[in-house]
Protein backbone atom coordinates (compact mmCIF):
# COMPACT_ATOMS: atom_id res chain seq x y z
CA MET A 1 1.44 -4.01 16.90
CA VAL A 2 -1.49 -5.29 19.45
CA HIS A 3 0.96 -3.59 21.99
CA ALA A 4 1.01 -0.23 20.10
CA LEU A 5 -2.58 -0.19 19.50
CA ASN A 6 -2.84 -0.93 22.60
CA ARG A 7 -1.01 1.91 24.17
CA ALA A 8 -1.82 4.49 21.49
CA HIS A 9 -5.27 3.25 22.33
CA ARG A 10 -4.72 4.96 26.16
CA TRP A 11 -3.21 7.81 24.67
CA LEU A 12 -6.77 8.90 23.07
CA LYS A 13 -8.44 12.05 24.67
CA PRO A 14 -11.55 12.13 23.88
CA PRO A 15 -13.79 12.77 22.43
CA SER A 16 -11.74 13.78 19.24
CA GLY A 17 -9.03 11.09 19.55
CA ARG A 18 -8.80 8.42 17.42
CA ILE A 19 -5.96 6.65 15.06
CA ILE A 20 -5.64 7.02 11.62
CA ASP A 21 -4.39 3.77 10.09
CA LEU A 22 -2.86 4.31 6.53
CA ARG A 23 -0.73 1.04 4.74
CA PRO A 24 -0.92 -0.51 1.70
CA ALA A 25 -4.50 -2.72 1.29
CA HIS A 26 -2.94 -4.97 -0.76
CA VAL A 27 0.50 -6.38 -0.53
CA VAL A 28 1.54 -6.55 -4.30
CA ALA A 29 1.67 -3.34 -6.63
CA GLU A 30 1.19 -3.23 -9.44
CA VAL A 31 3.23 -1.45 -12.30
CA GLU A 32 1.11 0.52 -15.48
CA LEU A 33 1.61 2.29 -18.28
CA GLY A 34 -0.48 5.08 -18.52
CA LEU A 35 -1.15 5.43 -22.69
CA PRO A 36 -1.07 9.32 -24.71
CA ASP A 37 -5.04 7.93 -25.74
CA GLY A 38 -6.37 7.71 -21.73
CA SER A 39 -6.25 3.90 -21.76
CA ILE A 40 -4.16 2.00 -18.62
CA ALA A 41 -1.76 -0.98 -20.05
CA ALA A 42 -1.09 -3.40 -16.46
CA VAL A 43 2.93 -4.20 -17.11
CA GLY A 44 3.56 -6.49 -14.02
CA GLY A 45 3.46 -6.95 -10.53
CA LEU A 46 5.88 -6.43 -8.01
CA VAL A 47 7.86 -9.29 -6.49
CA VAL A 48 7.09 -9.88 -2.66
CA GLY A 49 9.13 -11.56 -0.64
CA ASP A 50 7.68 -13.76 2.40
CA GLU A 51 8.68 -11.14 4.92
CA ARG A 52 6.64 -8.24 3.70
CA ARG A 53 3.77 -10.68 3.43
CA GLN A 54 3.52 -11.62 6.68
CA ARG A 55 4.07 -8.38 8.05
CA HIS A 56 1.34 -6.90 5.86
CA ARG A 57 -0.90 -10.20 7.38
CA ALA A 58 0.30 -8.78 11.16
CA ALA A 59 -0.70 -5.96 10.80
CA ASP A 60 -4.18 -6.56 9.14
CA LEU A 61 -4.48 -9.26 12.34
CA ALA A 62 -3.07 -7.15 15.05
CA VAL A 63 -5.79 -4.21 13.69
CA SER A 64 -8.91 -7.26 13.98
CA ALA A 65 -7.65 -8.43 17.16
CA VAL A 66 -7.96 -4.92 18.97
CA VAL A 67 -11.66 -4.32 17.34
CA GLN A 68 -13.35 -7.81 18.38
CA ARG A 69 -11.38 -7.19 21.96
CA GLY A 70 -13.39 -4.03 22.05
CA THR A 71 -10.65 -2.11 23.00
CA LEU A 72 -10.94 0.09 19.44
CA THR A 73 -14.12 0.49 16.60
CA VAL A 74 -13.52 1.37 12.83
CA SER A 75 -15.70 4.32 11.96
CA ALA A 76 -14.72 4.68 8.61
CA GLU A 77 -12.57 3.14 5.99
CA ARG A 78 -11.87 3.59 2.61
CA GLU A 79 -9.26 2.26 -0.32
CA PHE A 80 -7.69 4.56 -2.69
CA PRO A 81 -5.06 4.28 -5.24
CA PHE A 82 -2.09 5.73 -4.17
CA TYR A 83 0.65 6.71 -7.66
CA ARG A 84 4.64 6.83 -7.45
CA TYR A 85 5.63 8.21 -11.65
CA ALA A 86 8.62 7.36 -13.05
CA ASN A 87 10.55 8.87 -16.16
CA SER A 88 11.58 4.99 -16.97
CA ALA A 89 11.87 1.65 -15.77
CA ASP A 90 14.96 2.13 -14.26
CA GLU A 91 13.81 5.03 -12.51
CA LEU A 92 11.23 2.72 -11.05
CA ARG A 93 13.38 -0.43 -10.30
CA GLU A 94 16.03 1.94 -8.31
CA TYR A 95 13.15 3.35 -6.31
CA ILE A 96 11.66 0.28 -5.32
CA ALA A 97 15.24 -1.19 -4.64
CA THR A 98 15.80 1.84 -2.36
CA LYS A 99 12.97 2.05 -0.68
CA TRP A 100 10.72 -1.07 -0.42
CA GLN A 101 12.30 -3.95 1.54
CA HIS A 102 11.45 -7.63 0.21
CA THR A 103 10.46 -6.06 -2.82
CA HIS A 104 11.59 -5.92 -5.94
CA LEU A 105 10.76 -5.31 -9.80
CA ASP A 106 11.61 -8.29 -11.63
CA ALA A 107 13.46 -8.73 -14.67
CA ALA A 108 10.73 -9.61 -16.81
CA THR A 109 8.68 -6.59 -15.77
CA GLU A 110 11.37 -4.22 -16.12
CA ALA A 111 11.87 -5.36 -19.85
CA ARG A 112 8.06 -5.49 -20.13
CA ALA A 113 7.73 -1.80 -18.75
CA HIS A 114 10.96 -0.57 -21.46
CA GLU A 115 9.60 -2.76 -24.64
CA MET A 116 6.24 -0.88 -23.93
CA MET A 117 7.47 2.83 -23.36
CA ARG A 118 9.37 2.18 -26.85
CA ALA A 119 6.38 1.17 -28.58
CA ASN A 120 4.50 3.89 -26.77
CA PRO A 121 5.94 7.56 -26.95
CA GLY A 122 4.57 9.83 -24.74
CA ALA A 123 3.35 6.99 -22.31
CA ARG A 124 3.45 7.29 -18.83
CA LEU A 125 4.96 4.77 -16.08
CA TRP A 126 3.85 4.69 -12.53
CA LEU A 127 3.54 1.62 -9.67
CA ARG A 128 -0.34 1.77 -8.34
CA GLU A 129 -0.47 0.71 -4.89
CA ARG A 130 -3.54 0.62 -3.31
CA VAL A 131 -3.60 2.05 0.53
CA ALA A 132 -6.30 1.69 3.22
CA ILE A 133 -6.89 4.87 5.41
CA ARG A 134 -9.08 3.44 8.54
CA ASN A 135 -10.35 5.52 11.25
CA LEU A 136 -9.96 4.03 15.05
CA LEU A 137 -11.90 5.01 17.91
CA PRO A 138 -12.08 4.23 21.85
CA ALA A 139 -14.81 1.81 21.41
CA VAL A 140 -17.47 2.16 23.84
CA ALA A 141 -18.30 0.33 26.47
CA SER A 142 -21.79 -0.69 26.93
């Protein structure tokens, strides 16, 4: 990824050229249930494989490396929640299985989601990810 950032840096055109780094801020997303009274109940986290953890860490290290070398600078950074809603625990499990690599909804969390949804009619199931967005600009040469 360092190579990709260096290559993208060469394509930036002043004064408005920038790289937008948009990706998960945390490797583990949370399964939650929005209850009819407005409160939120934790259901559990996803099971994340080592390969996904390593890719996540490598991306963080790549951004740090180009910033430390003085190639790019972070001009703005923010985290925000990103939600994926599901009508059932089965639907959420299938979504994760088809869209995410090296990550799955374990049987215990799925069972809790089923049970909690049965016990709370009108509740809404979702997956909450913390996402980070960074604005990377060419570093000003001193």
